[in-house]
PDB file of N, CA and C in Angstrom:
ATOM      1  N   MET A   1     115.888  47.541  76.108  1.00  0.00           N
ATOM      2  CA  MET A   1     115.434  48.907  75.967  1.00  0.00           C
ATOM      3  C   MET A   1     116.543  49.831  76.461  1.00  0.00           C
ATOM      4  N   ASP A   2     116.996  50.693  75.605  1.00  0.00           N
ATOM      5  CA  ASP A   2     118.060  51.623  75.963  1.00  0.00           C
ATOM      6  C   ASP A   2     117.496  53.036  75.916  1.00  0.00           C
ATOM      7  N   ASP A   3     116.963  53.466  77.030  1.00  0.00           N
ATOM      8  CA  ASP A   3     116.377  54.795  77.119  1.00  0.00           C
ATOM      9  C   ASP A   3     117.041  55.529  78.270  1.00  0.00           C
ATOM     10  N   GLN A   4     117.501  56.709  78.004  1.00  0.00           N
ATOM     11  CA  GLN A   4     118.193  57.505  79.016  1.00  0.00           C
ATOM     12  C   GLN A   4     117.272  57.945  80.152  1.00  0.00           C
ATOM     13  N   ARG A   5     115.965  57.875  79.942  1.00  0.00           N
ATOM     14  CA  ARG A   5     115.027  58.356  80.961  1.00  0.00           C
ATOM     15  C   ARG A   5     115.151  57.595  82.276  1.00  0.00           C
ATOM     16  N   ASP A   6     115.601  56.348  82.225  1.00  0.00           N
ATOM     17  CA  ASP A   6     115.702  55.578  83.460  1.00  0.00           C
ATOM     18  C   ASP A   6     117.019  55.828  84.198  1.00  0.00           C
ATOM     19  N   ARG A   7     117.890  56.646  83.622  1.00  0.00           N
ATOM     20  CA  ARG A   7     119.170  56.932  84.263  1.00  0.00           C
ATOM     21  C   ARG A   7     119.394  58.426  84.519  1.00  0.00           C
ATOM     22  N   THR A   8     118.518  59.254  84.053  1.00  0.00           N
ATOM     23  CA  THR A   8     118.717  60.701  84.174  1.00  0.00           C
ATOM     24  C   THR A   8     118.156  61.239  85.481  1.00  0.00           C
ATOM     25  N   ASP A   9     118.608  62.434  85.847  1.00  0.00           N
ATOM     26  CA  ASP A   9     118.027  63.117  86.998  1.00  0.00           C
ATOM     27  C   ASP A   9     117.118  64.258  86.543  1.00  0.00           C
ATOM     28  N   LEU A  10     116.759  64.263  85.255  1.00  0.00           N
ATOM     29  CA  LEU A  10     115.864  65.273  84.702  1.00  0.00           C
ATOM     30  C   LEU A  10     114.477  64.684  84.476  1.00  0.00           C
ATOM     31  N   PHE A  11     113.463  65.415  84.925  1.00  0.00           N
ATOM     32  CA  PHE A  11     112.075  64.999  84.719  1.00  0.00           C
ATOM     33  C   PHE A  11     111.712  65.240  83.264  1.00  0.00           C
ATOM     34  N   SER A  12     111.401  64.167  82.558  1.00  0.00           N
ATOM     35  CA  SER A  12     111.073  64.225  81.131  1.00  0.00           C
ATOM     36  C   SER A  12     109.999  63.196  80.826  1.00  0.00           C
ATOM     37  N   PRO A  13     108.739  63.509  81.171  1.00  0.00           N
ATOM     38  CA  PRO A  13     107.664  62.529  81.015  1.00  0.00           C
ATOM     39  C   PRO A  13     107.557  61.996  79.583  1.00  0.00           C
ATOM     40  N   ARG A  14     107.294  60.712  79.485  1.00  0.00           N
ATOM     41  CA  ARG A  14     107.090  60.082  78.186  1.00  0.00           C
ATOM     42  C   ARG A  14     105.576  60.028  77.945  1.00  0.00           C
ATOM     43  N   PHE A  15     105.075  61.011  77.241  1.00  0.00           N
ATOM     44  CA  PHE A  15     103.644  61.102  76.952  1.00  0.00           C
ATOM     45  C   PHE A  15     103.266  60.103  75.861  1.00  0.00           C
ATOM     46  N   ASP A  16     102.039  59.605  75.926  1.00  0.00           N
ATOM     47  CA  ASP A  16     101.559  58.700  74.882  1.00  0.00           C
ATOM     48  C   ASP A  16     101.160  59.501  73.637  1.00  0.00           C
ATOM     49  N   ALA A  17     100.596  58.832  72.650  1.00  0.00           N
ATOM     50  CA  ALA A  17     100.228  59.483  71.388  1.00  0.00           C
ATOM     51  C   ALA A  17      99.195  60.588  71.588  1.00  0.00           C
ATOM     52  N   SER A  18      98.445  60.527  72.675  1.00  0.00           N
ATOM     53  CA  SER A  18      97.450  61.559  72.984  1.00  0.00           C
ATOM     54  C   SER A  18      98.030  62.665  73.859  1.00  0.00           C
ATOM     55  N   GLY A  19      99.310  62.584  74.185  1.00  0.00           N
ATOM     56  CA  GLY A  19      99.942  63.600  75.012  1.00  0.00           C
ATOM     57  C   GLY A  19      99.681  63.424  76.493  1.00  0.00           C
ATOM     58  N   LEU A  20      99.427  62.179  76.925  1.00  0.00           N
ATOM     59  CA  LEU A  20      99.048  61.903  78.309  1.00  0.00           C
ATOM     60  C   LEU A  20      99.986  60.905  78.967  1.00  0.00           C
ATOM     61  N   VAL A  21     100.077  60.999  80.294  1.00  0.00           N
ATOM     62  CA  VAL A  21     100.697  59.969  81.124  1.00  0.00           C
ATOM     63  C   VAL A  21      99.662  59.556  82.162  1.00  0.00           C
ATOM     64  N   THR A  22      99.728  58.318  82.582  1.00  0.00           N
ATOM     65  CA  THR A  22      98.837  57.816  83.621  1.00  0.00           C
ATOM     66  C   THR A  22      99.314  58.326  84.972  1.00  0.00           C
ATOM     67  N   ALA A  23      98.366  58.764  85.792  1.00  0.00           N
ATOM     68  CA  ALA A  23      98.677  59.245  87.140  1.00  0.00           C
ATOM     69  C   ALA A  23      97.940  58.384  88.160  1.00  0.00           C
ATOM     70  N   ILE A  24      98.711  57.729  89.002  1.00  0.00           N
ATOM     71  CA  ILE A  24      98.176  56.921  90.090  1.00  0.00           C
ATOM     72  C   ILE A  24      98.155  57.816  91.319  1.00  0.00           C
ATOM     73  N   VAL A  25      97.024  57.873  92.014  1.00  0.00           N
ATOM     74  CA  VAL A  25      96.879  58.793  93.138  1.00  0.00           C
ATOM     75  C   VAL A  25      96.637  58.001  94.417  1.00  0.00           C
ATOM     76  N   THR A  26      97.508  58.219  95.414  1.00  0.00           N
ATOM     77  CA  THR A  26      97.363  57.537  96.696  1.00  0.00           C
ATOM     78  C   THR A  26      97.312  58.554  97.837  1.00  0.00           C
ATOM     79  N   ASP A  27      96.710  58.131  98.934  1.00  0.00           N
ATOM     80  CA  ASP A  27      96.677  58.939 100.149  1.00  0.00           C
ATOM     81  C   ASP A  27      98.077  58.900 100.765  1.00  0.00           C
ATOM     82  N   ALA A  28      98.697  60.043 100.961  1.00  0.00           N
ATOM     83  CA  ALA A  28     100.061  60.109 101.476  1.00  0.00           C
ATOM     84  C   ALA A  28     100.178  59.537 102.890  1.00  0.00           C
ATOM     85  N   ASP A  29      99.124  59.634 103.684  1.00  0.00           N
ATOM     86  CA  ASP A  29      99.177  59.150 105.063  1.00  0.00           C
ATOM     87  C   ASP A  29      98.933  57.654 105.183  1.00  0.00           C
ATOM     88  N   THR A  30      97.965  57.142 104.423  1.00  0.00           N
ATOM     89  CA  THR A  30      97.564  55.738 104.574  1.00  0.00           C
ATOM     90  C   THR A  30      98.084  54.829 103.473  1.00  0.00           C
ATOM     91  N   GLY A  31      98.468  55.391 102.333  1.00  0.00           N
ATOM     92  CA  GLY A  31      98.898  54.581 101.197  1.00  0.00           C
ATOM     93  C   GLY A  31      97.748  54.019 100.379  1.00  0.00           C
ATOM     94  N   VAL A  32      96.518  54.315 100.755  1.00  0.00           N
ATOM     95  CA  VAL A  32      95.353  53.800 100.043  1.00  0.00           C
ATOM     96  C   VAL A  32      95.325  54.356  98.622  1.00  0.00           C
ATOM     97  N   LEU A  33      95.089  53.465  97.655  1.00  0.00           N
ATOM     98  CA  LEU A  33      94.924  53.869  96.263  1.00  0.00           C
ATOM     99  C   LEU A  33      93.587  54.588  96.138  1.00  0.00           C
ATOM    100  N   LEU A  34      93.631  55.850  95.718  1.00  0.00           N
ATOM    101  CA  LEU A  34      92.410  56.653  95.634  1.00  0.00           C
ATOM    102  C   LEU A  34      91.806  56.651  94.239  1.00  0.00           C
ATOM    103  N   MET A  35      92.641  56.853  93.225  1.00  0.00           N
ATOM    104  CA  MET A  35      92.116  56.957  91.871  1.00  0.00           C
ATOM    105  C   MET A  35      93.259  56.851  90.868  1.00  0.00           C
ATOM    106  N   VAL A  36      92.895  56.669  89.617  1.00  0.00           N
ATOM    107  CA  VAL A  36      93.827  56.710  88.496  1.00  0.00           C
ATOM    108  C   VAL A  36      93.250  57.697  87.496  1.00  0.00           C
ATOM    109  N   ALA A  37      94.099  58.573  86.993  1.00  0.00           N
ATOM    110  CA  ALA A  37      93.649  59.586  86.034  1.00  0.00           C
ATOM    111  C   ALA A  37      94.770  59.801  85.018  1.00  0.00           C
ATOM    112  N   HIS A  38      94.635  60.817  84.220  1.00  0.00           N
ATOM    113  CA  HIS A  38      95.636  61.117  83.203  1.00  0.00           C
ATOM    114  C   HIS A  38      96.039  62.575  83.288  1.00  0.00           C
ATOM    115  N   MET A  39      97.298  62.821  82.972  1.00  0.00           N
ATOM    116  CA  MET A  39      97.829  64.181  83.011  1.00  0.00           C
ATOM    117  C   MET A  39      98.555  64.478  81.706  1.00  0.00           C
ATOM    118  N   ASN A  40      98.371  65.703  81.226  1.00  0.00           N
ATOM    119  CA  ASN A  40      99.178  66.183  80.112  1.00  0.00           C
ATOM    120  C   ASN A  40     100.202  67.167  80.696  1.00  0.00           C
ATOM    121  N   ALA A  41     100.999  67.776  79.842  1.00  0.00           N
ATOM    122  CA  ALA A  41     102.036  68.686  80.328  1.00  0.00           C
ATOM    123  C   ALA A  41     101.441  69.845  81.130  1.00  0.00           C
ATOM    124  N   GLU A  42     100.302  70.359  80.685  1.00  0.00           N
ATOM    125  CA  GLU A  42      99.663  71.469  81.394  1.00  0.00           C
ATOM    126  C   GLU A  42      99.189  71.044  82.784  1.00  0.00           C
ATOM    127  N   ALA A  43      98.598  69.854  82.892  1.00  0.00           N
ATOM    128  CA  ALA A  43      98.124  69.358  84.185  1.00  0.00           C
ATOM    129  C   ALA A  43      99.284  69.171  85.150  1.00  0.00           C
ATOM    130  N   ILE A  44     100.390  68.657  84.646  1.00  0.00           N
ATOM    131  CA  ILE A  44     101.574  68.492  85.490  1.00  0.00           C
ATOM    132  C   ILE A  44     102.057  69.854  85.975  1.00  0.00           C
ATOM    133  N   ALA A  45     102.160  70.803  85.059  1.00  0.00           N
ATOM    134  CA  ALA A  45     102.638  72.147  85.420  1.00  0.00           C
ATOM    135  C   ALA A  45     101.713  72.812  86.429  1.00  0.00           C
ATOM    136  N   LEU A  46     100.400  72.719  86.220  1.00  0.00           N
ATOM    137  CA  LEU A  46      99.441  73.321  87.151  1.00  0.00           C
ATOM    138  C   LEU A  46      99.517  72.671  88.531  1.00  0.00           C
ATOM    139  N   THR A  47      99.684  71.365  88.548  1.00  0.00           N
ATOM    140  CA  THR A  47      99.800  70.649  89.816  1.00  0.00           C
ATOM    141  C   THR A  47     101.049  71.096  90.554  1.00  0.00           C
ATOM    142  N   GLN A  48     102.158  71.213  89.840  1.00  0.00           N
ATOM    143  CA  GLN A  48     103.401  71.649  90.466  1.00  0.00           C
ATOM    144  C   GLN A  48     103.308  73.104  90.944  1.00  0.00           C
ATOM    145  N   GLN A  49     102.667  73.955  90.164  1.00  0.00           N
ATOM    146  CA  GLN A  49     102.569  75.381  90.506  1.00  0.00           C
ATOM    147  C   GLN A  49     101.630  75.644  91.675  1.00  0.00           C
ATOM    148  N   THR A  50     100.499  74.925  91.713  1.00  0.00           N
ATOM    149  CA  THR A  50      99.462  75.227  92.700  1.00  0.00           C
ATOM    150  C   THR A  50      99.466  74.295  93.906  1.00  0.00           C
ATOM    151  N   GLY A  51     100.054  73.109  93.760  1.00  0.00           N
ATOM    152  CA  GLY A  51      99.999  72.114  94.826  1.00  0.00           C
ATOM    153  C   GLY A  51      98.682  71.369  94.875  1.00  0.00           C
ATOM    154  N   GLN A  52      97.773  71.674  93.954  1.00  0.00           N
ATOM    155  CA  GLN A  52      96.481  70.989  93.847  1.00  0.00           C
ATOM    156  C   GLN A  52      96.486  70.113  92.600  1.00  0.00           C
ATOM    157  N   ALA A  53      95.995  68.876  92.725  1.00  0.00           N
ATOM    158  CA  ALA A  53      96.034  67.924  91.611  1.00  0.00           C
ATOM    159  C   ALA A  53      95.115  68.364  90.473  1.00  0.00           C
ATOM    160  N   HIS A  54      95.691  68.455  89.294  1.00  0.00           N
ATOM    161  CA  HIS A  54      94.975  68.762  88.051  1.00  0.00           C
ATOM    162  C   HIS A  54      95.137  67.576  87.110  1.00  0.00           C
ATOM    163  N   PHE A  55      94.122  67.330  86.318  1.00  0.00           N
ATOM    164  CA  PHE A  55      94.153  66.199  85.397  1.00  0.00           C
ATOM    165  C   PHE A  55      93.547  66.606  84.060  1.00  0.00           C
ATOM    166  N   TRP A  56      93.766  65.756  83.064  1.00  0.00           N
ATOM    167  CA  TRP A  56      93.123  65.917  81.770  1.00  0.00           C
ATOM    168  C   TRP A  56      92.001  64.895  81.703  1.00  0.00           C
ATOM    169  N   SER A  57      90.788  65.357  81.508  1.00  0.00           N
ATOM    170  CA  SER A  57      89.640  64.465  81.371  1.00  0.00           C
ATOM    171  C   SER A  57      89.525  64.023  79.926  1.00  0.00           C
ATOM    172  N   ARG A  58      89.726  62.737  79.694  1.00  0.00           N
ATOM    173  CA  ARG A  58      89.595  62.222  78.324  1.00  0.00           C
ATOM    174  C   ARG A  58      88.150  62.267  77.859  1.00  0.00           C
ATOM    175  N   SER A  59      87.204  62.030  78.758  1.00  0.00           N
ATOM    176  CA  SER A  59      85.790  62.013  78.357  1.00  0.00           C
ATOM    177  C   SER A  59      85.259  63.407  78.039  1.00  0.00           C
ATOM    178  N   ARG A  60      85.741  64.415  78.767  1.00  0.00           N
ATOM    179  CA  ARG A  60      85.289  65.791  78.529  1.00  0.00           C
ATOM    180  C   ARG A  60      86.245  66.582  77.637  1.00  0.00           C
ATOM    181  N   ALA A  61      87.411  65.991  77.375  1.00  0.00           N
ATOM    182  CA  ALA A  61      88.463  66.665  76.604  1.00  0.00           C
ATOM    183  C   ALA A  61      88.740  68.049  77.197  1.00  0.00           C
ATOM    184  N   ALA A  62      88.968  68.053  78.518  1.00  0.00           N
ATOM    185  CA  ALA A  62      89.180  69.322  79.213  1.00  0.00           C
ATOM    186  C   ALA A  62      90.051  69.118  80.447  1.00  0.00           C
ATOM    187  N   MET A  63      90.730  70.191  80.833  1.00  0.00           N
ATOM    188  CA  MET A  63      91.513  70.210  82.058  1.00  0.00           C
ATOM    189  C   MET A  63      90.549  70.320  83.235  1.00  0.00           C
ATOM    190  N   TRP A  64      90.884  69.670  84.352  1.00  0.00           N
ATOM    191  CA  TRP A  64      90.083  69.841  85.560  1.00  0.00           C
ATOM    192  C   TRP A  64      90.960  69.721  86.802  1.00  0.00           C
ATOM    193  N   ARG A  65      90.606  70.510  87.793  1.00  0.00           N
ATOM    194  CA  ARG A  65      91.237  70.422  89.103  1.00  0.00           C
ATOM    195  C   ARG A  65      90.333  69.574  89.970  1.00  0.00           C
ATOM    196  N   LYS A  66      90.879  68.518  90.517  1.00  0.00           N
ATOM    197  CA  LYS A  66      90.097  67.634  91.370  1.00  0.00           C
ATOM    198  C   LYS A  66      89.518  68.448  92.520  1.00  0.00           C
ATOM    199  N   GLY A  67      88.215  68.400  92.675  1.00  0.00           N
ATOM    200  CA  GLY A  67      87.537  69.109  93.748  1.00  0.00           C
ATOM    201  C   GLY A  67      86.981  70.456  93.352  1.00  0.00           C
ATOM    202  N   GLU A  68      87.131  70.851  92.082  1.00  0.00           N
ATOM    203  CA  GLU A  68      86.668  72.189  91.691  1.00  0.00           C
ATOM    204  C   GLU A  68      85.161  72.349  91.839  1.00  0.00           C
ATOM    205  N   THR A  69      84.402  71.274  91.743  1.00  0.00           N
ATOM    206  CA  THR A  69      82.954  71.378  91.965  1.00  0.00           C
ATOM    207  C   THR A  69      82.524  70.740  93.289  1.00  0.00           C
ATOM    208  N   SER A  70      83.196  69.668  93.697  1.00  0.00           N
ATOM    209  CA  SER A  70      82.801  68.959  94.918  1.00  0.00           C
ATOM    210  C   SER A  70      83.432  69.531  96.185  1.00  0.00           C
ATOM    211  N   GLY A  71      84.550  70.216  96.025  1.00  0.00           N
ATOM    212  CA  GLY A  71      85.297  70.676  97.182  1.00  0.00           C
ATOM    213  C   GLY A  71      86.256  69.627  97.722  1.00  0.00           C
ATOM    214  N   ASN A  72      86.236  68.439  97.141  1.00  0.00           N
ATOM    215  CA  ASN A  72      87.074  67.332  97.596  1.00  0.00           C
ATOM    216  C   ASN A  72      88.398  67.313  96.835  1.00  0.00           C
ATOM    217  N   GLY A  73      89.181  68.361  97.031  1.00  0.00           N
ATOM    218  CA  GLY A  73      90.439  68.493  96.327  1.00  0.00           C
ATOM    219  C   GLY A  73      91.506  67.549  96.836  1.00  0.00           C
ATOM    220  N   LEU A  74      92.595  67.496  96.096  1.00  0.00           N
ATOM    221  CA  LEU A  74      93.739  66.665  96.437  1.00  0.00           C
ATOM    222  C   LEU A  74      94.965  67.568  96.504  1.00  0.00           C
ATOM    223  N   THR A  75      95.516  67.737  97.692  1.00  0.00           N
ATOM    224  CA  THR A  75      96.715  68.540  97.864  1.00  0.00           C
ATOM    225  C   THR A  75      97.932  67.633  97.706  1.00  0.00           C
ATOM    226  N   MET A  76      98.788  67.991  96.770  1.00  0.00           N
ATOM    227  CA  MET A  76      99.935  67.144  96.480  1.00  0.00           C
ATOM    228  C   MET A  76     100.974  67.238  97.595  1.00  0.00           C
ATOM    229  N   VAL A  77     101.419  66.084  98.037  1.00  0.00           N
ATOM    230  CA  VAL A  77     102.510  65.972  98.991  1.00  0.00           C
ATOM    231  C   VAL A  77     103.799  65.681  98.230  1.00  0.00           C
ATOM    232  N   GLU A  78     103.686  64.807  97.218  1.00  0.00           N
ATOM    233  CA  GLU A  78     104.862  64.384  96.466  1.00  0.00           C
ATOM    234  C   GLU A  78     104.430  63.834  95.113  1.00  0.00           C
ATOM    235  N   MET A  79     105.221  64.133  94.091  1.00  0.00           N
ATOM    236  CA  MET A  79     105.014  63.552  92.767  1.00  0.00           C
ATOM    237  C   MET A  79     106.226  62.683  92.460  1.00  0.00           C
ATOM    238  N   ARG A  80     105.966  61.446  92.090  1.00  0.00           N
ATOM    239  CA  ARG A  80     107.030  60.528  91.694  1.00  0.00           C
ATOM    240  C   ARG A  80     106.801  60.110  90.247  1.00  0.00           C
ATOM    241  N   VAL A  81     107.855  59.665  89.597  1.00  0.00           N
ATOM    242  CA  VAL A  81     107.770  59.180  88.226  1.00  0.00           C
ATOM    243  C   VAL A  81     108.382  57.787  88.186  1.00  0.00           C
ATOM    244  N   ASP A  82     107.835  56.905  87.345  1.00  0.00           N
ATOM    245  CA  ASP A  82     108.377  55.552  87.264  1.00  0.00           C
ATOM    246  C   ASP A  82     109.667  55.538  86.435  1.00  0.00           C
ATOM    247  N   CYS A  83     110.270  54.367  86.322  1.00  0.00           N
ATOM    248  CA  CYS A  83     111.603  54.231  85.737  1.00  0.00           C
ATOM    249  C   CYS A  83     111.720  54.773  84.318  1.00  0.00           C
ATOM    250  N   ASP A  84     110.730  54.545  83.473  1.00  0.00           N
ATOM    251  CA  ASP A  84     110.828  55.054  82.098  1.00  0.00           C
ATOM    252  C   ASP A  84     109.973  56.300  81.868  1.00  0.00           C
ATOM    253  N   GLN A  85     109.507  56.887  82.943  1.00  0.00           N
ATOM    254  CA  GLN A  85     108.816  58.179  82.957  1.00  0.00           C
ATOM    255  C   GLN A  85     107.518  58.208  82.149  1.00  0.00           C
ATOM    256  N   ASP A  86     106.812  57.056  82.105  1.00  0.00           N
ATOM    257  CA  ASP A  86     105.519  57.060  81.412  1.00  0.00           C
ATOM    258  C   ASP A  86     104.339  56.900  82.366  1.00  0.00           C
ATOM    259  N   ALA A  87     104.602  56.992  83.668  1.00  0.00           N
ATOM    260  CA  ALA A  87     103.534  56.955  84.673  1.00  0.00           C
ATOM    261  C   ALA A  87     103.980  57.771  85.883  1.00  0.00           C
ATOM    262  N   LEU A  88     103.012  58.417  86.517  1.00  0.00           N
ATOM    263  CA  LEU A  88     103.272  59.226  87.695  1.00  0.00           C
ATOM    264  C   LEU A  88     102.548  58.658  88.906  1.00  0.00           C
ATOM    265  N   LEU A  89     103.124  58.885  90.061  1.00  0.00           N
ATOM    266  CA  LEU A  89     102.483  58.581  91.331  1.00  0.00           C
ATOM    267  C   LEU A  89     102.334  59.894  92.063  1.00  0.00           C
ATOM    268  N   LEU A  90     101.102  60.269  92.366  1.00  0.00           N
ATOM    269  CA  LEU A  90     100.841  61.457  93.172  1.00  0.00           C
ATOM    270  C   LEU A  90     100.442  60.997  94.563  1.00  0.00           C
ATOM    271  N   ARG A  91     101.237  61.358  95.556  1.00  0.00           N
ATOM    272  CA  ARG A  91     100.900  61.120  96.948  1.00  0.00           C
ATOM    273  C   ARG A  91     100.245  62.407  97.426  1.00  0.00           C
ATOM    274  N   VAL A  92      99.017  62.297  97.912  1.00  0.00           N
ATOM    275  CA  VAL A  92      98.208  63.479  98.195  1.00  0.00           C
ATOM    276  C   VAL A  92      97.581  63.426  99.582  1.00  0.00           C
ATOM    277  N   THR A  93      97.108  64.586 100.003  1.00  0.00           N
ATOM    278  CA  THR A  93      96.238  64.691 101.163  1.00  0.00           C
ATOM    279  C   THR A  93      94.856  65.032 100.627  1.00  0.00           C
ATOM    280  N   PRO A  94      93.905  64.084 100.722  1.00  0.00           N
ATOM    281  CA  PRO A  94      92.563  64.349 100.195  1.00  0.00           C
ATOM    282  C   PRO A  94      91.743  65.205 101.150  1.00  0.00           C
ATOM    283  N   ALA A  95      90.898  66.074 100.585  1.00  0.00           N
ATOM    284  CA  ALA A  95      90.011  66.920 101.385  1.00  0.00           C
ATOM    285  C   ALA A  95      88.616  66.320 101.450  1.00  0.00           C
ATOM    286  N   GLY A  96      88.520  65.025 101.265  1.00  0.00           N
ATOM    287  CA  GLY A  96      87.236  64.329 101.259  1.00  0.00           C
ATOM    288  C   GLY A  96      87.339  63.125 100.358  1.00  0.00           C
ATOM    289  N   PRO A  97      86.201  62.524 100.016  1.00  0.00           N
ATOM    290  CA  PRO A  97      86.217  61.353  99.151  1.00  0.00           C
ATOM    291  C   PRO A  97      86.857  61.672  97.801  1.00  0.00           C
ATOM    292  N   ALA A  98      87.623  60.716  97.271  1.00  0.00           N
ATOM    293  CA  ALA A  98      88.253  60.906  95.961  1.00  0.00           C
ATOM    294  C   ALA A  98      87.311  60.511  94.826  1.00  0.00           C
ATOM    295  N   CYS A  99      86.396  59.599  95.090  1.00  0.00           N
ATOM    296  CA  CYS A  99      85.509  59.085  94.040  1.00  0.00           C
ATOM    297  C   CYS A  99      84.247  59.941  93.912  1.00  0.00           C
ATOM    298  N   HIS A 100      83.788  60.103  92.683  1.00  0.00           N
ATOM    299  CA  HIS A 100      82.566  60.889  92.457  1.00  0.00           C
ATOM    300  C   HIS A 100      81.332  60.234  93.070  1.00  0.00           C
ATOM    301  N   THR A 101      81.452  58.947  93.485  1.00  0.00           N
ATOM    302  CA  THR A 101      80.332  58.261  94.128  1.00  0.00           C
ATOM    303  C   THR A 101      80.241  58.606  95.613  1.00  0.00           C
ATOM    304  N   GLY A 102      81.235  59.351  96.122  1.00  0.00           N
ATOM    305  CA  GLY A 102      81.266  59.679  97.538  1.00  0.00           C
ATOM    306  C   GLY A 102      82.105  58.713  98.352  1.00  0.00           C
ATOM    307  N   ARG A 103      82.724  57.750  97.682  1.00  0.00           N
ATOM    308  CA  ARG A 103      83.585  56.803  98.381  1.00  0.00           C
ATOM    309  C   ARG A 103      85.005  57.344  98.480  1.00  0.00           C
ATOM    310  N   ARG A 104      85.711  56.865  99.490  1.00  0.00           N
ATOM    311  CA  ARG A 104      87.097  57.293  99.708  1.00  0.00           C
ATOM    312  C   ARG A 104      87.950  57.009  98.482  1.00  0.00           C
ATOM    313  N   SER A 105      87.769  55.852  97.866  1.00  0.00           N
ATOM    314  CA  SER A 105      88.565  55.409  96.724  1.00  0.00           C
ATOM    315  C   SER A 105      87.662  55.019  95.568  1.00  0.00           C
ATOM    316  N   CYS A 106      88.160  55.192  94.363  1.00  0.00           N
ATOM    317  CA  CYS A 106      87.415  54.730  93.180  1.00  0.00           C
ATOM    318  C   CYS A 106      87.451  53.209  93.061  1.00  0.00           C
ATOM    319  N   PHE A 107      88.318  52.554  93.825  1.00  0.00           N
ATOM    320  CA  PHE A 107      88.491  51.103  93.756  1.00  0.00           C
ATOM    321  C   PHE A 107      87.770  50.425  94.914  1.00  0.00           C
ATOM    322  N   TYR A 108      86.435  50.474  94.882  1.00  0.00           N
ATOM    323  CA  TYR A 108      85.626  49.955  95.981  1.00  0.00           C
ATOM    324  C   TYR A 108      84.939  48.633  95.647  1.00  0.00           C
ATOM    325  N   ARG A 109      85.254  48.056  94.474  1.00  0.00           N
ATOM    326  CA  ARG A 109      84.661  46.769  94.090  1.00  0.00           C
ATOM    327  C   ARG A 109      85.750  45.798  93.657  1.00  0.00           C
ATOM    328  N   ARG A 110      85.571  44.539  94.019  1.00  0.00           N
ATOM    329  CA  ARG A 110      86.481  43.469  93.623  1.00  0.00           C
ATOM    330  C   ARG A 110      85.803  42.668  92.512  1.00  0.00           C
ATOM    331  N   VAL A 111      86.562  42.294  91.493  1.00  0.00           N
ATOM    332  CA  VAL A 111      86.046  41.471  90.400  1.00  0.00           C
ATOM    333  C   VAL A 111      86.169  40.015  90.824  1.00  0.00           C
ATOM    334  N   GLU A 112      85.050  39.330  90.896  1.00  0.00           N
ATOM    335  CA  GLU A 112      85.021  37.919  91.290  1.00  0.00           C
ATOM    336  C   GLU A 112      85.318  37.033  90.073  1.00  0.00           C
ATOM    337  N   ALA A 113      85.676  35.786  90.323  1.00  0.00           N
ATOM    338  CA  ALA A 113      86.023  34.839  89.256  1.00  0.00           C
ATOM    339  C   ALA A 113      84.875  34.638  88.273  1.00  0.00           C
ATOM    340  N   ASP A 114      83.626  34.761  88.749  1.00  0.00           N
ATOM    341  CA  ASP A 114      82.470  34.565  87.868  1.00  0.00           C
ATOM    342  C   ASP A 114      82.063  35.847  87.132  1.00  0.00           C
ATOM    343  N   GLY A 115      82.850  36.922  87.315  1.00  0.00           N
ATOM    344  CA  GLY A 115      82.564  38.170  86.613  1.00  0.00           C
ATOM    345  C   GLY A 115      81.707  39.155  87.390  1.00  0.00           C
ATOM    346  N   ARG A 116      81.184  38.728  88.529  1.00  0.00           N
ATOM    347  CA  ARG A 116      80.389  39.647  89.341  1.00  0.00           C
ATOM    348  C   ARG A 116      81.314  40.619  90.070  1.00  0.00           C
ATOM    349  N   LEU A 117      80.746  41.716  90.522  1.00  0.00           N
ATOM    350  CA  LEU A 117      81.480  42.694  91.307  1.00  0.00           C
ATOM    351  C   LEU A 117      81.023  42.621  92.758  1.00  0.00           C
ATOM    352  N   ALA A 118      81.981  42.534  93.659  1.00  0.00           N
ATOM    353  CA  ALA A 118      81.687  42.493  95.095  1.00  0.00           C
ATOM    354  C   ALA A 118      82.107  43.825  95.705  1.00  0.00           C
ATOM    355  N   PHE A 119      81.188  44.464  96.395  1.00  0.00           N
ATOM    356  CA  PHE A 119      81.487  45.717  97.079  1.00  0.00           C
ATOM    357  C   PHE A 119      82.335  45.428  98.309  1.00  0.00           C
ATOM    358  N   LEU A 120      83.362  46.224  98.518  1.00  0.00           N
ATOM    359  CA  LEU A 120      84.253  46.060  99.648  1.00  0.00           C
ATOM    360  C   LEU A 120      83.703  46.794 100.856  1.00  0.00           C
ATOM    361  N   ASP A 121      83.727  46.171 101.990  1.00  0.00           N
ATOM    362  CA  ASP A 121      83.184  46.778 103.213  1.00  0.00           C
ATOM    363  C   ASP A 121      84.064  47.882 103.764  1.00  0.00           C
ATOM    364  N   ASP A 122      85.352  47.869 103.427  1.00  0.00           N
ATOM    365  CA  ASP A 122      86.279  48.834 104.027  1.00  0.00           C
ATOM    366  C   ASP A 122      86.273  50.192 103.351  1.00  0.00           C
ATOM    367  N   ASP A 123      85.365  50.413 102.426  1.00  0.00           N
ATOM    368  CA  ASP A 123      85.316  51.701 101.736  1.00  0.00           C
ATOM    369  C   ASP A 123      83.864  52.152 101.609  1.00  0.00           C
ATOM    370  N   ALA A 124      83.228  52.375 102.737  1.00  0.00           N
ATOM    371  CA  ALA A 124      81.826  52.764 102.757  1.00  0.00           C
ATOM    372  C   ALA A 124      81.608  54.090 102.054  1.00  0.00           C
ATOM    373  N   GLN A 125      80.446  54.207 101.477  1.00  0.00           N
ATOM    374  CA  GLN A 125      80.078  55.447 100.785  1.00  0.00           C
ATOM    375  C   GLN A 125      79.940  56.567 101.807  1.00  0.00           C
ATOM    376  N   GLY A 126      80.481  57.743 101.450  1.00  0.00           N
ATOM    377  CA  GLY A 126      80.503  58.895 102.364  1.00  0.00           C
ATOM    378  C   GLY A 126      79.273  59.613 102.441  1.00  0.00           C
TER     379      GLY A 126
END
């Protein structure tokens, strides 16, 4: 693969056919994976301008600022991009639970070998 994106110092996200990049969101202090969402160019720009994480909701086909209804916003500490610029890492300071279920992280269940889901004890519902 010969793509200049992995050697440049210019931010040039590689959007998919829907105009989105995957955004991985972690707690800047603890490193805990909070959520995965998607961002389009507008969401990236709004996040950079305001310091508050904005995403594109594929299910609602609409822009949203995390916490706009719950108050559990995500203040961006740092935005990183992967080597070929098709995924972002947002390191944030959360103002409460990141998951709509009230849990700290959206990743509160482990998939067992038999297909069952096991709830993790280290991420109690808020």
